[in-house]
Amino acid sequence: MSSEIIFEVTEAEEGGYCASALGLGIHTQGETLEELRLMVRDAVDCYFDVPEQAPKIIRLHFVRDEVLAR
């Protein structure tokens, strides 16, 4: 297993944040960034049955759309 896992983080329409691991079926959400960080760690721990197989680094990649009107 890779030593790093990357989560794509977006703002949810209803508020809060959603995170999805790239290339893996790990998805979670949180109301605040602090809660999201805790939920991401918990989701990674649950996904990998053997702790030694879990990546050592969790990277959060924030994706934000910005619309400009003229």
N, C-alpha and C. Protein backbone atom coordinates (compact mmCIF):
# COMPACT_ATOMS: atom_id res chain seq x y z
N MET A 1 0.84 -1.20 0.00
CA MET A 1 0.00 0.00 0.00
C MET A 1 0.87 1.24 0.00
N SER A 2 0.38 2.29 -0.60
CA SER A 2 1.09 3.56 -0.65
C SER A 2 1.25 4.14 0.75
N SER A 3 2.26 4.95 0.94
CA SER A 3 2.48 5.57 2.25
C SER A 3 1.66 6.85 2.40
N GLU A 4 0.89 7.21 1.36
CA GLU A 4 0.09 8.43 1.39
C GLU A 4 -1.28 8.18 0.78
N ILE A 5 -2.29 8.83 1.33
CA ILE A 5 -3.64 8.77 0.77
C ILE A 5 -4.11 10.22 0.62
N ILE A 6 -4.77 10.50 -0.50
CA ILE A 6 -5.22 11.86 -0.79
C ILE A 6 -6.74 11.91 -0.80
N PHE A 7 -7.30 12.84 -0.06
CA PHE A 7 -8.73 13.08 -0.04
C PHE A 7 -9.03 14.38 -0.76
N GLU A 8 -10.03 14.34 -1.65
CA GLU A 8 -10.53 15.55 -2.28
C GLU A 8 -11.64 16.10 -1.39
N VAL A 9 -11.49 17.34 -0.96
CA VAL A 9 -12.45 17.95 -0.04
C VAL A 9 -13.21 19.06 -0.76
N THR A 10 -14.53 19.00 -0.66
CA THR A 10 -15.39 20.04 -1.24
C THR A 10 -16.36 20.53 -0.18
N GLU A 11 -16.87 21.73 -0.40
CA GLU A 11 -17.90 22.26 0.49
C GLU A 11 -19.24 21.67 0.06
N ALA A 12 -20.00 21.16 1.02
CA ALA A 12 -21.31 20.58 0.73
C ALA A 12 -22.32 21.71 0.53
N GLU A 13 -23.27 21.49 -0.38
CA GLU A 13 -24.30 22.51 -0.65
C GLU A 13 -25.11 22.85 0.60
N GLU A 14 -25.36 21.85 1.43
CA GLU A 14 -26.17 22.07 2.63
C GLU A 14 -25.34 22.56 3.81
N GLY A 15 -24.05 22.80 3.58
CA GLY A 15 -23.15 23.26 4.63
C GLY A 15 -22.21 22.14 5.05
N GLY A 16 -21.08 22.50 5.58
CA GLY A 16 -20.09 21.51 5.99
C GLY A 16 -19.19 21.11 4.83
N TYR A 17 -18.52 19.98 5.00
CA TYR A 17 -17.54 19.53 4.02
C TYR A 17 -17.70 18.04 3.73
N CYS A 18 -17.35 17.65 2.50
CA CYS A 18 -17.34 16.24 2.09
C CYS A 18 -15.93 15.90 1.65
N ALA A 19 -15.49 14.68 1.97
CA ALA A 19 -14.15 14.23 1.58
C ALA A 19 -14.24 12.84 0.97
N SER A 20 -13.53 12.64 -0.15
CA SER A 20 -13.48 11.34 -0.83
C SER A 20 -12.03 11.02 -1.15
N ALA A 21 -11.63 9.79 -0.82
CA ALA A 21 -10.26 9.36 -1.11
C ALA A 21 -10.13 9.06 -2.59
N LEU A 22 -9.05 9.53 -3.19
CA LEU A 22 -8.81 9.27 -4.60
C LEU A 22 -8.36 7.83 -4.79
N GLY A 23 -9.09 7.08 -5.62
CA GLY A 23 -8.73 5.70 -5.93
C GLY A 23 -9.19 4.67 -4.92
N LEU A 24 -9.86 5.09 -3.87
CA LEU A 24 -10.37 4.17 -2.85
C LEU A 24 -11.82 4.53 -2.54
N GLY A 25 -12.56 3.60 -2.02
CA GLY A 25 -13.96 3.84 -1.68
C GLY A 25 -14.14 4.36 -0.27
N ILE A 26 -13.44 5.44 0.05
CA ILE A 26 -13.57 6.03 1.39
C ILE A 26 -14.20 7.41 1.23
N HIS A 27 -15.33 7.61 1.89
CA HIS A 27 -16.05 8.88 1.82
C HIS A 27 -16.51 9.25 3.23
N THR A 28 -16.46 10.53 3.56
CA THR A 28 -16.94 10.98 4.86
C THR A 28 -17.29 12.46 4.77
N GLN A 29 -17.83 12.99 5.85
CA GLN A 29 -18.20 14.40 5.87
C GLN A 29 -18.14 14.93 7.30
N GLY A 30 -18.11 16.25 7.41
CA GLY A 30 -18.09 16.90 8.71
C GLY A 30 -18.65 18.30 8.61
N GLU A 31 -19.20 18.79 9.69
CA GLU A 31 -19.79 20.13 9.71
C GLU A 31 -18.72 21.22 9.71
N THR A 32 -17.59 20.97 10.37
CA THR A 32 -16.49 21.92 10.45
C THR A 32 -15.22 21.24 9.94
N LEU A 33 -14.18 22.04 9.67
CA LEU A 33 -12.92 21.45 9.24
C LEU A 33 -12.32 20.56 10.32
N GLU A 34 -12.44 20.95 11.56
CA GLU A 34 -11.93 20.14 12.66
C GLU A 34 -12.65 18.79 12.72
N GLU A 35 -13.98 18.81 12.60
CA GLU A 35 -14.76 17.57 12.59
C GLU A 35 -14.40 16.72 11.37
N LEU A 36 -14.22 17.37 10.22
CA LEU A 36 -13.86 16.63 9.01
C LEU A 36 -12.53 15.91 9.20
N ARG A 37 -11.55 16.58 9.77
CA ARG A 37 -10.25 15.94 10.01
C ARG A 37 -10.40 14.69 10.88
N LEU A 38 -11.19 14.79 11.92
CA LEU A 38 -11.43 13.63 12.79
C LEU A 38 -12.14 12.51 12.03
N MET A 39 -13.13 12.87 11.23
CA MET A 39 -13.89 11.88 10.48
C MET A 39 -13.03 11.19 9.41
N VAL A 40 -12.13 11.94 8.77
CA VAL A 40 -11.23 11.36 7.78
C VAL A 40 -10.32 10.34 8.44
N ARG A 41 -9.73 10.70 9.56
CA ARG A 41 -8.86 9.74 10.29
C ARG A 41 -9.64 8.49 10.67
N ASP A 42 -10.85 8.68 11.18
CA ASP A 42 -11.68 7.54 11.58
C ASP A 42 -12.03 6.66 10.37
N ALA A 43 -12.37 7.29 9.24
CA ALA A 43 -12.72 6.54 8.03
C ALA A 43 -11.54 5.72 7.53
N VAL A 44 -10.34 6.29 7.57
CA VAL A 44 -9.14 5.57 7.14
C VAL A 44 -8.88 4.39 8.08
N ASP A 45 -9.02 4.61 9.38
CA ASP A 45 -8.83 3.53 10.36
C ASP A 45 -9.83 2.39 10.13
N CYS A 46 -11.06 2.73 9.80
CA CYS A 46 -12.09 1.70 9.56
C CYS A 46 -11.85 0.96 8.24
N TYR A 47 -11.33 1.65 7.25
CA TYR A 47 -11.14 1.05 5.92
C TYR A 47 -10.02 0.00 5.95
N PHE A 48 -8.94 0.29 6.66
CA PHE A 48 -7.81 -0.62 6.71
C PHE A 48 -7.91 -1.47 7.97
N ASP A 49 -8.15 -2.78 7.78
CA ASP A 49 -8.31 -3.70 8.91
C ASP A 49 -7.04 -3.82 9.72
N VAL A 50 -5.90 -3.82 9.05
CA VAL A 50 -4.61 -3.95 9.72
C VAL A 50 -3.96 -2.56 9.76
N PRO A 51 -3.78 -2.00 10.95
CA PRO A 51 -3.23 -0.64 11.05
C PRO A 51 -1.90 -0.45 10.33
N GLU A 52 -1.09 -1.47 10.25
CA GLU A 52 0.21 -1.36 9.59
C GLU A 52 0.06 -1.16 8.07
N GLN A 53 -1.08 -1.52 7.51
CA GLN A 53 -1.32 -1.35 6.08
C GLN A 53 -1.84 0.04 5.72
N ALA A 54 -2.28 0.78 6.71
CA ALA A 54 -2.83 2.12 6.47
C ALA A 54 -1.70 3.08 6.10
N PRO A 55 -1.98 4.02 5.21
CA PRO A 55 -0.97 5.02 4.83
C PRO A 55 -0.55 5.84 6.04
N LYS A 56 0.69 6.25 6.05
CA LYS A 56 1.21 7.06 7.16
C LYS A 56 0.83 8.53 7.02
N ILE A 57 0.57 8.96 5.78
CA ILE A 57 0.25 10.37 5.53
C ILE A 57 -1.14 10.46 4.90
N ILE A 58 -1.96 11.36 5.45
CA ILE A 58 -3.28 11.66 4.89
C ILE A 58 -3.23 13.11 4.41
N ARG A 59 -3.44 13.28 3.12
CA ARG A 59 -3.39 14.63 2.53
C ARG A 59 -4.81 15.05 2.17
N LEU A 60 -5.18 16.28 2.56
CA LEU A 60 -6.48 16.84 2.20
C LEU A 60 -6.26 17.87 1.10
N HIS A 61 -6.89 17.62 -0.05
CA HIS A 61 -6.79 18.53 -1.20
C HIS A 61 -8.14 19.26 -1.30
N PHE A 62 -8.13 20.56 -1.04
CA PHE A 62 -9.36 21.34 -1.04
C PHE A 62 -9.67 21.85 -2.45
N VAL A 63 -10.89 21.56 -2.90
CA VAL A 63 -11.36 21.98 -4.22
C VAL A 63 -12.47 23.01 -4.00
N ARG A 64 -12.31 24.15 -4.65
CA ARG A 64 -13.29 25.22 -4.45
C ARG A 64 -13.62 25.83 -5.79
N ASP A 65 -14.89 25.94 -6.08
CA ASP A 65 -15.35 26.61 -7.28
C ASP A 65 -15.69 28.05 -6.92
N GLU A 66 -15.26 28.94 -7.78
CA GLU A 66 -15.61 30.34 -7.58
C GLU A 66 -16.18 30.86 -8.88
N VAL A 67 -17.35 31.45 -8.82
CA VAL A 67 -18.04 31.96 -10.00
C VAL A 67 -18.01 33.47 -9.96
N LEU A 68 -17.58 34.05 -11.05
CA LEU A 68 -17.56 35.51 -11.16
C LEU A 68 -18.63 35.93 -12.18
N ALA A 69 -19.46 36.88 -11.80
CA ALA A 69 -20.49 37.39 -12.72
C ALA A 69 -20.05 38.76 -13.21
N ARG A 70 -20.42 39.04 -14.43
CA ARG A 70 -20.08 40.35 -15.01
C ARG A 70 -21.31 41.17 -15.22
